C-alpha atoms as a PDB file:
ATOM      1  CA  MET A   1      -7.934  99.568 145.980  1.00  0.00           C
ATOM      2  CA  PHE A   2      -5.105  97.742 143.772  1.00  0.00           C
ATOM      3  CA  ASP A   3      -4.312  98.228 139.762  1.00  0.00           C
ATOM      4  CA  VAL A   4      -3.939  94.630 139.011  1.00  0.00           C
ATOM      5  CA  SER A   5      -1.444  93.213 136.219  1.00  0.00           C
ATOM      6  CA  SER A   6       0.800  90.657 134.916  1.00  0.00           C
ATOM      7  CA  SER A   7       4.303  90.132 135.992  1.00  0.00           C
ATOM      8  CA  LYS A   8       6.800  92.233 133.911  1.00  0.00           C
ATOM      9  CA  ASN A   9       8.455  89.172 132.874  1.00  0.00           C
ATOM     10  CA  ILE A  10       7.022  85.443 133.367  1.00  0.00           C
ATOM     11  CA  TYR A  11       9.886  82.977 133.977  1.00  0.00           C
ATOM     12  CA  HIS A  12       9.440  79.168 133.404  1.00  0.00           C
ATOM     13  CA  ALA A  13      11.097  76.759 135.807  1.00  0.00           C
ATOM     14  CA  SER A  14      12.607  74.906 132.925  1.00  0.00           C
ATOM     15  CA  ASP A  15      14.245  78.262 131.569  1.00  0.00           C
ATOM     16  CA  ILE A  16      15.732  78.990 135.142  1.00  0.00           C
ATOM     17  CA  ASP A  17      19.331  77.893 135.145  1.00  0.00           C
ATOM     18  CA  ARG A  18      18.868  77.427 138.988  1.00  0.00           C
ATOM     19  CA  ILE A  19      16.673  77.526 141.907  1.00  0.00           C
ATOM     20  CA  PHE A  20      18.135  78.188 145.295  1.00  0.00           C
ATOM     21  CA  ASP A  21      16.565  76.941 148.533  1.00  0.00           C
ATOM     22  CA  GLU A  22      17.662  80.081 150.195  1.00  0.00           C
ATOM     23  CA  GLN A  23      18.597  83.542 149.508  1.00  0.00           C
ATOM     24  CA  ILE A  24      22.499  84.003 148.167  1.00  0.00           C
ATOM     25  CA  ASP A  25      24.059  87.369 146.760  1.00  0.00           C
ATOM     26  CA  ASN A  26      21.778  88.858 144.011  1.00  0.00           C
ATOM     27  CA  SER A  27      19.302  86.581 144.104  1.00  0.00           C
ATOM     28  CA  LEU A  28      15.343  87.475 144.506  1.00  0.00           C
ATOM     29  CA  PRO A  29      12.138  85.382 145.754  1.00  0.00           C
ATOM     30  CA  TYR A  30      10.332  83.360 142.790  1.00  0.00           C
ATOM     31  CA  VAL A  31       6.706  83.574 143.257  1.00  0.00           C
ATOM     32  CA  VAL A  32       4.445  80.624 141.549  1.00  0.00           C
ATOM     33  CA  ARG A  33       1.139  79.182 142.408  1.00  0.00           C
ATOM     34  CA  THR A  34       1.977  77.337 145.453  1.00  0.00           C
ATOM     35  CA  THR A  35       0.047  77.765 148.463  1.00  0.00           C
ATOM     36  CA  GLN A  36       2.635  77.419 150.777  1.00  0.00           C
ATOM     37  CA  ASN A  37       5.691  79.324 151.930  1.00  0.00           C
ATOM     38  CA  ASN A  38       4.389  82.773 150.995  1.00  0.00           C
ATOM     39  CA  GLY A  39       4.086  81.631 147.301  1.00  0.00           C
ATOM     40  CA  ILE A  40       7.604  81.126 147.310  1.00  0.00           C
ATOM     41  CA  ARG A  41       9.194  78.472 145.738  1.00  0.00           C
ATOM     42  CA  GLY A  42      12.904  79.318 146.092  1.00  0.00           C
ATOM     43  CA  TYR A  43      14.910  81.915 145.030  1.00  0.00           C
ATOM     44  CA  VAL A  44      16.520  82.791 141.593  1.00  0.00           C
ATOM     45  CA  VAL A  45      19.362  85.206 140.109  1.00  0.00           C
ATOM     46  CA  GLU A  46      17.849  86.838 137.088  1.00  0.00           C
ATOM     47  CA  ASN A  47      17.584  90.183 135.534  1.00  0.00           C
ATOM     48  CA  GLU A  48      16.357  92.413 138.190  1.00  0.00           C
ATOM     49  CA  ILE A  49      14.945  95.047 135.662  1.00  0.00           C
ATOM     50  CA  TYR A  50      12.247  92.262 135.540  1.00  0.00           C
ATOM     51  CA  ALA A  51      11.380  92.065 139.036  1.00  0.00           C
ATOM     52  CA  ASN A  52       8.015  93.274 140.369  1.00  0.00           C
ATOM     53  CA  ASP A  53       8.037  95.795 143.081  1.00  0.00           C
ATOM     54  CA  GLY A  54       8.221  94.987 146.751  1.00  0.00           C
ATOM     55  CA  ASN A  55       5.226  96.389 149.041  1.00  0.00           C
ATOM     56  CA  THR A  56       2.612  94.003 147.029  1.00  0.00           C
ATOM     57  CA  LEU A  57      -0.039  91.379 146.912  1.00  0.00           C
ATOM     58  CA  SER A  58       0.549  88.364 144.494  1.00  0.00           C
ATOM     59  CA  PHE A  59      -2.287  86.727 143.054  1.00  0.00           C
ATOM     60  CA  ALA A  60      -1.932  82.956 142.450  1.00  0.00           C
ATOM     61  CA  GLN A  61      -4.843  82.083 139.589  1.00  0.00           C
ATOM     62  CA  ASP A  62      -5.971  78.555 140.077  1.00  0.00           C
ATOM     63  CA  THR A  63      -4.906  78.065 143.721  1.00  0.00           C
ATOM     64  CA  PHE A  64      -6.391  81.198 144.425  1.00  0.00           C
ATOM     65  CA  SER A  65      -3.682  82.593 146.955  1.00  0.00           C
ATOM     66  CA  VAL A  66      -3.192  85.520 147.888  1.00  0.00           C
ATOM     67  CA  PHE A  67       0.052  86.850 149.851  1.00  0.00           C
ATOM     68  CA  TYR A  68       1.949  89.824 150.436  1.00  0.00           C
ATOM     69  CA  GLN A  69       5.671  90.460 149.263  1.00  0.00           C
ATOM     70  CA  LYS A  70       7.603  92.639 151.131  1.00  0.00           C
ATOM     71  CA  LYS A  71      10.644  92.576 149.086  1.00  0.00           C
ATOM     72  CA  LYS A  72      11.079  92.541 145.141  1.00  0.00           C
ATOM     73  CA  TYR A  73      10.270  89.476 143.089  1.00  0.00           C
ATOM     74  CA  PHE A  74       9.913  87.128 140.287  1.00  0.00           C
ATOM     75  CA  THR A  75       6.519  85.117 139.050  1.00  0.00           C
ATOM     76  CA  GLY A  76       6.179  82.190 137.377  1.00  0.00           C
ATOM     77  CA  ASN A  77       3.003  81.499 135.060  1.00  0.00           C
ATOM     78  CA  LYS A  78      -0.419  82.814 136.198  1.00  0.00           C
ATOM     79  CA  VAL A  79       0.562  84.890 138.777  1.00  0.00           C
ATOM     80  CA  LYS A  80      -0.758  88.333 139.096  1.00  0.00           C
ATOM     81  CA  VAL A  81       0.541  91.445 140.493  1.00  0.00           C
ATOM     82  CA  LEU A  82      -1.542  93.812 142.763  1.00  0.00           C
ATOM     83  CA  LYS A  83      -0.340  97.272 143.546  1.00  0.00           C
ATOM     84  CA  ALA A  84      -1.746  99.255 146.152  1.00  0.00           C
ATOM     85  CA  LYS A  85      -3.430 102.969 144.862  1.00  0.00           C
ATOM     86  CA  PHE A  86      -4.198 104.278 148.249  1.00  0.00           C
ATOM     87  CA  GLU A  87      -0.934 106.206 150.179  1.00  0.00           C
ATOM     88  CA  LYS A  88      -1.326 104.283 153.770  1.00  0.00           C
ATOM     89  CA  LYS A  89       0.258 101.071 152.549  1.00  0.00           C
ATOM     90  CA  SER A  90       2.394 100.239 155.606  1.00  0.00           C
ATOM     91  CA  GLU A  91       3.765  96.764 155.700  1.00  0.00           C
ATOM     92  CA  LYS A  92       0.818  95.616 158.504  1.00  0.00           C
ATOM     93  CA  VAL A  93      -1.809  97.466 156.126  1.00  0.00           C
ATOM     94  CA  MET A  94      -1.094  95.341 153.700  1.00  0.00           C
ATOM     95  CA  GLN A  95      -1.018  92.374 155.432  1.00  0.00           C
ATOM     96  CA  TYR A  96      -4.337  93.391 156.827  1.00  0.00           C
ATOM     97  CA  LEU A  97      -5.789  93.336 153.230  1.00  0.00           C
ATOM     98  CA  THR A  98      -3.814  90.163 152.306  1.00  0.00           C
ATOM     99  CA  ALA A  99      -6.152  88.243 154.624  1.00  0.00           C
ATOM    100  CA  CYS A 100      -9.374  90.340 153.724  1.00  0.00           C
ATOM    101  CA  PHE A 101      -8.906  89.391 149.877  1.00  0.00           C
ATOM    102  CA  GLN A 102      -7.910  86.106 150.687  1.00  0.00           C
ATOM    103  CA  LYS A 103     -11.464  85.835 152.759  1.00  0.00           C
ATOM    104  CA  SER A 104     -13.117  87.263 149.647  1.00  0.00           C
ATOM    105  CA  LEU A 105     -12.064  84.477 147.679  1.00  0.00           C
ATOM    106  CA  ASN A 106     -13.897  81.270 149.173  1.00  0.00           C
ATOM    107  CA  SER A 107     -16.360  81.099 146.812  1.00  0.00           C
ATOM    108  CA  PHE A 108     -13.816  81.162 143.450  1.00  0.00           C
ATOM    109  CA  SER A 109     -12.862  77.693 142.228  1.00  0.00           C
ATOM    110  CA  TRP A 110     -10.861  76.157 139.593  1.00  0.00           C
ATOM    111  CA  GLY A 111     -11.476  78.351 136.144  1.00  0.00           C
ATOM    112  CA  ILE A 112     -13.586  81.024 137.978  1.00  0.00           C
ATOM    113  CA  GLY A 113     -11.538  84.228 138.406  1.00  0.00           C
ATOM    114  CA  SER A 114      -8.496  83.481 136.647  1.00  0.00           C
ATOM    115  CA  THR A 115      -8.826  86.615 134.767  1.00  0.00           C
ATOM    116  CA  VAL A 116      -7.076  90.145 135.517  1.00  0.00           C
ATOM    117  CA  GLU A 117     -10.852  91.553 135.170  1.00  0.00           C
ATOM    118  CA  THR A 118     -12.587  89.198 137.535  1.00  0.00           C
ATOM    119  CA  ILE A 119      -9.641  90.181 139.760  1.00  0.00           C
ATOM    120  CA  ALA A 120      -9.958  93.497 139.576  1.00  0.00           C
ATOM    121  CA  LEU A 121     -13.965  93.583 140.165  1.00  0.00           C
ATOM    122  CA  THR A 122     -13.549  91.122 143.655  1.00  0.00           C
ATOM    123  CA  LYS A 123     -14.930  92.853 146.411  1.00  0.00           C
ATOM    124  CA  ILE A 124     -13.333  92.996 150.112  1.00  0.00           C
ATOM    125  CA  GLN A 125     -15.129  94.436 153.324  1.00  0.00           C
ATOM    126  CA  LEU A 126     -12.850  96.375 155.355  1.00  0.00           C
ATOM    127  CA  PRO A 127     -13.040  98.699 158.416  1.00  0.00           C
ATOM    128  CA  THR A 128     -14.497 102.213 158.252  1.00  0.00           C
ATOM    129  CA  LYS A 129     -14.435 105.033 160.564  1.00  0.00           C
ATOM    130  CA  ASN A 130     -16.917 108.292 159.668  1.00  0.00           C
ATOM    131  CA  GLY A 131     -17.340 106.725 156.074  1.00  0.00           C
ATOM    132  CA  ASN A 132     -13.454 106.149 155.625  1.00  0.00           C
ATOM    133  CA  ILE A 133     -11.287 102.905 155.178  1.00  0.00           C
ATOM    134  CA  ASP A 134     -10.038 102.990 158.686  1.00  0.00           C
ATOM    135  CA  PHE A 135      -6.178 101.971 157.952  1.00  0.00           C
ATOM    136  CA  GLU A 136      -5.185 102.919 161.689  1.00  0.00           C
ATOM    137  CA  PHE A 137      -7.443 100.141 163.027  1.00  0.00           C
ATOM    138  CA  MET A 138      -5.618  97.729 160.303  1.00  0.00           C
ATOM    139  CA  GLU A 139      -1.996  99.392 161.564  1.00  0.00           C
ATOM    140  CA  SER A 140      -3.089  98.786 165.587  1.00  0.00           C
ATOM    141  CA  PHE A 141      -4.619  95.221 164.779  1.00  0.00           C
ATOM    142  CA  ILE A 142      -1.905  93.632 163.387  1.00  0.00           C
ATOM    143  CA  ALA A 143       0.555  94.855 165.701  1.00  0.00           C
ATOM    144  CA  GLU A 144      -1.579  93.886 168.651  1.00  0.00           C
ATOM    145  CA  LEU A 145      -1.832  90.393 167.030  1.00  0.00           C
ATOM    146  CA  GLU A 146       1.624  90.130 166.424  1.00  0.00           C
ATOM    147  CA  ALA A 147       2.553  91.249 169.826  1.00  0.00           C
ATOM    148  CA  GLU A 148       0.291  88.457 171.274  1.00  0.00           C
ATOM    149  CA  ARG A 149       1.744  85.925 169.075  1.00  0.00           C
ATOM    150  CA  MET A 150       5.177  87.071 169.743  1.00  0.00           C
ATOM    151  CA  ALA A 151       4.418  86.155 173.888  1.00  0.00           C
ATOM    152  CA  LYS A 152       2.693  82.729 172.889  1.00  0.00           C
ATOM    153  CA  LEU A 153       6.093  81.757 170.897  1.00  0.00           C
ATOM    154  CA  GLU A 154       8.349  83.050 173.583  1.00  0.00           C
ATOM    155  CA  ALA A 155       6.103  81.080 176.441  1.00  0.00           C
ATOM    156  CA  TYR A 156       6.510  78.220 174.367  1.00  0.00           C
ATOM    157  CA  LEU A 157       9.972  78.098 173.973  1.00  0.00           C
ATOM    158  CA  VAL A 158      10.515  78.621 177.341  1.00  0.00           C
ATOM    159  CA  ALA A 159       8.153  75.962 178.403  1.00  0.00           C
ATOM    160  CA  ASN A 160       9.500  73.491 176.101  1.00  0.00           C
ATOM    161  CA  ASN A 161      13.654  74.370 177.317  1.00  0.00           C
ATOM    162  CA  LEU A 162      13.985  74.976 173.937  1.00  0.00           C
ATOM    163  CA  LYS A 163      16.003  78.428 173.848  1.00  0.00           C
ATOM    164  CA  ASP A 164      19.169  76.699 174.222  1.00  0.00           C
ATOM    165  CA  TYR A 165      20.570  76.029 170.720  1.00  0.00           C
ATOM    166  CA  THR A 166      23.889  75.589 171.597  1.00  0.00           C
ATOM    167  CA  LEU A 167      25.296  72.178 169.525  1.00  0.00           C
ATOM    168  CA  THR A 168      27.047  69.453 171.266  1.00  0.00           C
ATOM    169  CA  ALA A 169      30.635  68.302 170.169  1.00  0.00           C
ATOM    170  CA  GLU A 170      28.492  65.031 169.084  1.00  0.00           C
ATOM    171  CA  GLU A 171      25.992  67.091 166.920  1.00  0.00           C
ATOM    172  CA  GLU A 172      28.768  69.218 165.237  1.00  0.00           C
ATOM    173  CA  LYS A 173      31.008  66.342 164.520  1.00  0.00           C
ATOM    174  CA  VAL A 174      27.892  64.597 162.656  1.00  0.00           C
ATOM    175  CA  LEU A 175      26.665  67.336 160.703  1.00  0.00           C
ATOM    176  CA  LYS A 176      30.280  68.274 159.564  1.00  0.00           C
ATOM    177  CA  ASP A 177      30.814  64.408 158.452  1.00  0.00           C
ATOM    178  CA  PHE A 178      27.604  63.737 157.495  1.00  0.00           C
ATOM    179  CA  GLU A 179      28.775  64.066 153.703  1.00  0.00           C
ATOM    180  CA  ASN A 180      30.963  61.010 154.075  1.00  0.00           C
ATOM    181  CA  VAL A 181      28.092  58.578 155.762  1.00  0.00           C
ATOM    182  CA  GLU A 182      27.803  55.262 154.543  1.00  0.00           C
ATOM    183  CA  TRP A 183      24.307  54.124 153.183  1.00  0.00           C
ATOM    184  CA  GLU A 184      22.811  50.927 152.453  1.00  0.00           C
ATOM    185  CA  GLU A 185      19.554  49.570 151.280  1.00  0.00           C
ATOM    186  CA  PHE A 186      17.169  47.579 153.456  1.00  0.00           C
ATOM    187  CA  ASN A 187      13.770  46.115 153.271  1.00  0.00           C
ATOM    188  CA  VAL A 188      10.835  48.101 154.251  1.00  0.00           C
ATOM    189  CA  ILE A 189       9.677  45.168 156.065  1.00  0.00           C
ATOM    190  CA  ASP A 190      12.912  44.224 157.620  1.00  0.00           C
ATOM    191  CA  VAL A 191      12.941  47.536 159.335  1.00  0.00           C
ATOM    192  CA  PHE A 192       9.257  48.356 160.023  1.00  0.00           C
ATOM    193  CA  ASN A 193       5.978  46.670 160.853  1.00  0.00           C
ATOM    194  CA  VAL A 194       3.696  47.942 157.919  1.00  0.00           C
ATOM    195  CA  LYS A 195      -0.005  47.761 158.292  1.00  0.00           C
ATOM    196  CA  ASN A 196      -2.959  49.884 157.056  1.00  0.00           C
ATOM    197  CA  THR A 197      -4.336  52.523 159.025  1.00  0.00           C
ATOM    198  CA  LYS A 198      -8.379  51.788 159.883  1.00  0.00           C
ATOM    199  CA  ASN A 199     -10.566  54.660 158.473  1.00  0.00           C
ATOM    200  CA  ILE A 200     -13.100  56.776 159.274  1.00  0.00           C
ATOM    201  CA  MET A 201     -14.947  58.694 156.503  1.00  0.00           C
ATOM    202  CA  SER A 202     -14.755  62.713 156.369  1.00  0.00           C
ATOM    203  CA  ARG A 203     -18.764  62.929 156.165  1.00  0.00           C
ATOM    204  CA  ASP A 204     -19.023  61.038 159.595  1.00  0.00           C
ATOM    205  CA  ILE A 205     -16.930  63.226 162.024  1.00  0.00           C
ATOM    206  CA  ILE A 206     -17.898  66.460 163.563  1.00  0.00           C
ATOM    207  CA  GLU A 207     -14.710  68.912 162.819  1.00  0.00           C
ATOM    208  CA  ASN A 208     -13.022  70.002 165.920  1.00  0.00           C
ATOM    209  CA  SER A 209     -15.160  68.226 168.265  1.00  0.00           C
ATOM    210  CA  GLY A 210     -12.004  66.836 170.222  1.00  0.00           C
ATOM    211  CA  SER A 211      -8.429  66.396 170.510  1.00  0.00           C
ATOM    212  CA  VAL A 212      -7.172  63.485 168.849  1.00  0.00           C
ATOM    213  CA  PRO A 213      -5.724  64.189 165.526  1.00  0.00           C
ATOM    214  CA  TYR A 214      -7.922  63.359 162.566  1.00  0.00           C
ATOM    215  CA  LEU A 215      -5.462  62.419 159.324  1.00  0.00           C
ATOM    216  CA  CYS A 216      -5.941  62.699 155.549  1.00  0.00           C
ATOM    217  CA  ALA A 217      -3.036  62.676 152.851  1.00  0.00           C
ATOM    218  CA  SER A 218      -2.253  66.463 152.887  1.00  0.00           C
ATOM    219  CA  ALA A 219       1.265  67.327 152.739  1.00  0.00           C
ATOM    220  CA  GLU A 220       0.165  70.871 154.857  1.00  0.00           C
ATOM    221  CA  ASN A 221       0.102  70.766 158.963  1.00  0.00           C
ATOM    222  CA  ASN A 222       1.900  67.201 159.495  1.00  0.00           C
ATOM    223  CA  ALA A 223      -1.300  65.468 157.389  1.00  0.00           C
ATOM    224  CA  VAL A 224      -3.375  66.718 160.311  1.00  0.00           C
ATOM    225  CA  SER A 225      -7.008  67.819 158.794  1.00  0.00           C
ATOM    226  CA  SER A 226      -8.657  68.586 162.547  1.00  0.00           C
ATOM    227  CA  TYR A 227      -9.138  67.438 166.008  1.00  0.00           C
ATOM    228  CA  ILE A 228     -12.149  65.266 166.905  1.00  0.00           C
ATOM    229  CA  SER A 229     -13.865  62.700 169.325  1.00  0.00           C
ATOM    230  CA  TYR A 230     -15.088  59.460 168.067  1.00  0.00           C
ATOM    231  CA  ASN A 231     -14.792  55.825 168.903  1.00  0.00           C
ATOM    232  CA  GLU A 232     -11.900  54.488 170.046  1.00  0.00           C
ATOM    233  CA  GLU A 233     -12.405  51.045 168.573  1.00  0.00           C
ATOM    234  CA  TYR A 234     -11.141  53.418 165.334  1.00  0.00           C
ATOM    235  CA  LEU A 235      -8.111  54.909 166.784  1.00  0.00           C
ATOM    236  CA  ASP A 236      -4.477  53.830 165.245  1.00  0.00           C
ATOM    237  CA  LYS A 237      -1.272  54.003 167.548  1.00  0.00           C
ATOM    238  CA  GLY A 238       1.114  56.538 167.213  1.00  0.00           C
ATOM    239  CA  ASN A 239       4.867  56.957 167.285  1.00  0.00           C
ATOM    240  CA  CYS A 240       4.712  55.548 163.778  1.00  0.00           C
ATOM    241  CA  VAL A 241       5.530  56.702 160.315  1.00  0.00           C
ATOM    242  CA  PHE A 242       2.202  57.542 158.622  1.00  0.00           C
ATOM    243  CA  ILE A 243       2.095  57.523 154.573  1.00  0.00           C
ATOM    244  CA  GLY A 244      -0.692  58.781 152.784  1.00  0.00           C
ATOM    245  CA  GLY A 245      -1.859  56.254 150.565  1.00  0.00           C
ATOM    246  CA  LYS A 246      -2.811  58.068 147.547  1.00  0.00           C
ATOM    247  CA  THR A 247      -0.602  61.188 147.465  1.00  0.00           C
ATOM    248  CA  PHE A 248       2.502  59.456 149.408  1.00  0.00           C
ATOM    249  CA  VAL A 249       2.795  62.177 151.946  1.00  0.00           C
ATOM    250  CA  VAL A 250       5.392  60.867 154.569  1.00  0.00           C
ATOM    251  CA  SER A 251       4.982  61.961 158.231  1.00  0.00           C
ATOM    252  CA  PHE A 252       5.466  61.331 161.738  1.00  0.00           C
ATOM    253  CA  GLN A 253       2.901  60.805 163.962  1.00  0.00           C
ATOM    254  CA  GLU A 254       3.818  61.359 167.673  1.00  0.00           C
ATOM    255  CA  ASN A 255       0.143  60.920 169.132  1.00  0.00           C
ATOM    256  CA  ASP A 256      -2.818  58.200 168.352  1.00  0.00           C
ATOM    257  CA  PHE A 257      -4.791  59.235 165.754  1.00  0.00           C
ATOM    258  CA  TYR A 258      -7.784  58.807 163.368  1.00  0.00           C
ATOM    259  CA  SER A 259      -7.507  58.011 159.565  1.00  0.00           C
ATOM    260  CA  ASN A 260      -9.231  59.179 156.553  1.00  0.00           C
ATOM    261  CA  ASP A 261      -8.449  56.159 154.591  1.00  0.00           C
ATOM    262  CA  SER A 262      -7.754  52.627 154.758  1.00  0.00           C
ATOM    263  CA  HIS A 263      -5.241  52.927 151.985  1.00  0.00           C
ATOM    264  CA  ASN A 264      -3.231  54.644 154.236  1.00  0.00           C
ATOM    265  CA  LEU A 265      -0.346  53.238 155.976  1.00  0.00           C
ATOM    266  CA  VAL A 266       1.439  53.042 159.093  1.00  0.00           C
ATOM    267  CA  LEU A 267       5.356  52.016 159.915  1.00  0.00           C
ATOM    268  CA  TYR A 268       6.098  50.925 163.251  1.00  0.00           C
ATOM    269  CA  LEU A 269       9.837  50.159 164.001  1.00  0.00           C
ATOM    270  CA  LYS A 270      10.881  46.935 164.778  1.00  0.00           C
ATOM    271  CA  ASN A 271      13.650  48.072 166.973  1.00  0.00           C
ATOM    272  CA  GLU A 272      11.532  49.098 170.316  1.00  0.00           C
ATOM    273  CA  ARG A 273      14.663  50.212 172.003  1.00  0.00           C
ATOM    274  CA  GLU A 274      15.405  53.064 169.024  1.00  0.00           C
ATOM    275  CA  LYS A 275      11.690  54.382 168.638  1.00  0.00           C
ATOM    276  CA  SER A 276      12.761  58.313 169.967  1.00  0.00           C
ATOM    277  CA  LYS A 277      10.865  60.657 167.767  1.00  0.00           C
ATOM    278  CA  GLN A 278      13.990  62.119 166.129  1.00  0.00           C
ATOM    279  CA  THR A 279      15.251  58.878 165.003  1.00  0.00           C
ATOM    280  CA  GLN A 280      11.679  58.253 163.339  1.00  0.00           C
ATOM    281  CA  ILE A 281      11.736  61.741 162.022  1.00  0.00           C
ATOM    282  CA  PHE A 282      14.954  60.790 160.140  1.00  0.00           C
ATOM    283  CA  LEU A 283      13.195  57.504 159.223  1.00  0.00           C
ATOM    284  CA  ALA A 284      10.005  59.222 157.758  1.00  0.00           C
ATOM    285  CA  SER A 285      12.771  61.694 155.654  1.00  0.00           C
ATOM    286  CA  CYS A 286      14.251  58.173 154.521  1.00  0.00           C
ATOM    287  CA  ILE A 287      10.997  56.675 153.653  1.00  0.00           C
ATOM    288  CA  ASN A 288      10.194  59.912 151.366  1.00  0.00           C
ATOM    289  CA  LYS A 289      13.522  60.253 149.536  1.00  0.00           C
ATOM    290  CA  SER A 290      13.664  56.033 148.828  1.00  0.00           C
ATOM    291  CA  LEU A 291      10.150  55.893 147.482  1.00  0.00           C
ATOM    292  CA  GLY A 292       9.080  59.342 146.690  1.00  0.00           C
ATOM    293  CA  HIS A 293       9.957  58.618 142.798  1.00  0.00           C
ATOM    294  CA  LYS A 294       7.842  55.616 142.443  1.00  0.00           C
ATOM    295  CA  TYR A 295       4.628  56.596 143.545  1.00  0.00           C
ATOM    296  CA  SER A 296       2.171  59.182 142.217  1.00  0.00           C
ATOM    297  CA  TRP A 297      -1.731  59.496 142.073  1.00  0.00           C
ATOM    298  CA  GLY A 298      -2.356  56.767 139.477  1.00  0.00           C
ATOM    299  CA  ASP A 299       0.392  54.620 140.996  1.00  0.00           C
ATOM    300  CA  SER A 300      -0.217  54.735 144.178  1.00  0.00           C
ATOM    301  CA  ILE A 301       1.511  53.124 147.248  1.00  0.00           C
ATOM    302  CA  SER A 302      -0.391  50.015 148.825  1.00  0.00           C
ATOM    303  CA  ASN A 303       0.751  47.502 151.850  1.00  0.00           C
ATOM    304  CA  ARG A 304       0.991  44.745 149.117  1.00  0.00           C
ATOM    305  CA  LYS A 305       3.469  46.764 146.626  1.00  0.00           C
ATOM    306  CA  ILE A 306       5.831  48.110 150.022  1.00  0.00           C
ATOM    307  CA  GLN A 307       6.272  44.197 150.534  1.00  0.00           C
ATOM    308  CA  THR A 308       9.308  44.427 148.060  1.00  0.00           C
ATOM    309  CA  ASP A 309      10.299  47.713 148.481  1.00  0.00           C
ATOM    310  CA  LYS A 310      13.652  49.107 150.231  1.00  0.00           C
ATOM    311  CA  VAL A 311      14.814  52.057 151.929  1.00  0.00           C
ATOM    312  CA  SER A 312      18.133  53.803 152.185  1.00  0.00           C
ATOM    313  CA  LEU A 313      19.643  54.195 155.629  1.00  0.00           C
ATOM    314  CA  PRO A 314      22.968  55.387 156.662  1.00  0.00           C
ATOM    315  CA  ILE A 315      24.373  51.972 158.679  1.00  0.00           C
ATOM    316  CA  SER A 316      26.968  51.763 161.532  1.00  0.00           C
ATOM    317  CA  ILE A 317      30.777  51.289 161.166  1.00  0.00           C
ATOM    318  CA  PRO A 318      33.407  50.059 163.637  1.00  0.00           C
ATOM    319  CA  PRO A 319      33.890  50.980 166.202  1.00  0.00           C
ATOM    320  CA  SER A 320      30.725  52.415 167.024  1.00  0.00           C
ATOM    321  CA  GLY A 321      28.818  49.321 165.986  1.00  0.00           C
ATOM    322  CA  VAL A 322      28.312  46.228 163.947  1.00  0.00           C
ATOM    323  CA  ARG A 323      28.811  46.920 160.346  1.00  0.00           C
ATOM    324  CA  GLY A 324      25.915  47.115 158.096  1.00  0.00           C
ATOM    325  CA  LEU A 325      23.190  47.814 160.925  1.00  0.00           C
ATOM    326  CA  PRO A 326      20.983  50.949 160.439  1.00  0.00           C
ATOM    327  CA  ASP A 327      23.218  54.019 162.471  1.00  0.00           C
ATOM    328  CA  TYR A 328      20.049  55.129 164.695  1.00  0.00           C
ATOM    329  CA  ALA A 329      22.291  56.842 166.643  1.00  0.00           C
ATOM    330  CA  LEU A 330      23.247  59.183 164.202  1.00  0.00           C
ATOM    331  CA  MET A 331      19.974  59.589 162.842  1.00  0.00           C
ATOM    332  CA  GLN A 332      19.126  60.598 166.346  1.00  0.00           C
ATOM    333  CA  THR A 333      21.714  62.975 166.891  1.00  0.00           C
ATOM    334  CA  PHE A 334      21.052  64.316 163.370  1.00  0.00           C
ATOM    335  CA  ILE A 335      17.377  65.625 163.438  1.00  0.00           C
ATOM    336  CA  SER A 336      18.621  66.888 167.454  1.00  0.00           C
ATOM    337  CA  ALA A 337      21.045  69.332 165.957  1.00  0.00           C
ATOM    338  CA  ILE A 338      18.703  70.125 162.946  1.00  0.00           C
ATOM    339  CA  GLN A 339      16.156  71.236 164.975  1.00  0.00           C
ATOM    340  CA  LYS A 340      18.856  73.459 166.788  1.00  0.00           C
ATOM    341  CA  LEU A 341      19.593  74.977 164.431  1.00  0.00           C
ATOM    342  CA  VAL A 342      16.073  75.756 162.923  1.00  0.00           C
ATOM    343  CA  VAL A 343      15.235  76.681 166.837  1.00  0.00           C
ATOM    344  CA  LYS A 344      17.888  79.207 166.867  1.00  0.00           C
ATOM    345  CA  ASP A 345      16.644  80.794 163.833  1.00  0.00           C
ATOM    346  CA  VAL A 346      13.105  81.084 165.373  1.00  0.00           C
ATOM    347  CA  VAL A 347      14.589  82.404 169.374  1.00  0.00           C
ATOM    348  CA  LEU A 348      16.811  84.909 167.392  1.00  0.00           C
ATOM    349  CA  TYR A 349      13.831  86.253 165.444  1.00  0.00           C
ATOM    350  CA  VAL A 350      11.457  86.351 168.634  1.00  0.00           C
ATOM    351  CA  ASP A 351      14.546  87.893 170.474  1.00  0.00           C
ATOM    352  CA  LYS A 352      14.884  90.782 167.392  1.00  0.00           C
ATOM    353  CA  LYS A 353      11.000  91.303 167.381  1.00  0.00           C
ATOM    354  CA  ASN A 354      10.673  91.371 170.888  1.00  0.00           C
ATOM    355  CA  VAL A 355      13.097  94.329 170.999  1.00  0.00           C
ATOM    356  CA  ASN A 356      11.839  96.024 168.274  1.00  0.00           C
ATOM    357  CA  LEU A 357       8.229  96.041 170.116  1.00  0.00           C
ATOM    358  CA  LYS A 358       9.644  97.394 173.024  1.00  0.00           C
ATOM    359  CA  ASN A 359      11.408 100.324 171.011  1.00  0.00           C
ATOM    360  CA  LYS A 360       7.799 101.118 169.739  1.00  0.00           C
ATOM    361  CA  CYS A 361       6.256 101.088 173.184  1.00  0.00           C
END
């Protein structure tokens, strides 16, 4: 099905002048072994003769992540390139094959499957028709799936009144002036009430048995591992900032939840009048930026340690408020503006996709 090869040139992050968060002129994706963001760590400007062909699959060794790469790209260490040998290699067919290949890797573990030979000998199950690979089914299946997802996303945007992404004058001003905002350090315990979560061992739960989030210390899916039903005595109250104790993953938790480890921390904002979702998302980012460099797996955060920690927050200045106090109004407005900017991209993407789907019909 594929020719498996190493990249034309392997780029190490330390050897690259700059990795951009967004694509700029003359830059191409930089694909590494991450399991997130389609394997893309960022975008780099390098000699394009060393770029790998688009419409190929990238295979990340060690993490066993397979992604479809539509455009040309550079790679980091231990990323293999899979180039299709067959002719019918449309984008939808390649996306279907990506899922099939990823499913076949469930038996792989660290140190296994890390060679070109092992990858090349991996078998994948594919739909067939009259004894031949059914590429037409793959194409139509992905098209139908895409149309279904677009319809659900459109309905969600409408139901949650998210199609209006026009910034208010106040939101525009906050974005424009953000670089000039004054910041000050505050004791974490002066801003938050801090406590350890309760804990339920993963072996004691039944995955997907209910509707209450079960949190772990993962950076993915807002730390939600599953949704479960369990004894309500073990519930922790939501509307808080949650910190994964061993990994220092910080998130905002809107709903009540169960926790997998009593080392995890919950931070409840003391100022009850300012406990909006937007404000606490901002605060979660501040906690992450202020303390993330300090803690690691071998030196994890704890309730005892956080008692002396400080968090950097924007402060209010006259005439908007009393100088030196956290500017919660700014926090809320800023996140509201960022949400609209993100939603704008989503809305435009959905509208463009819907037009393309209608034209094809």
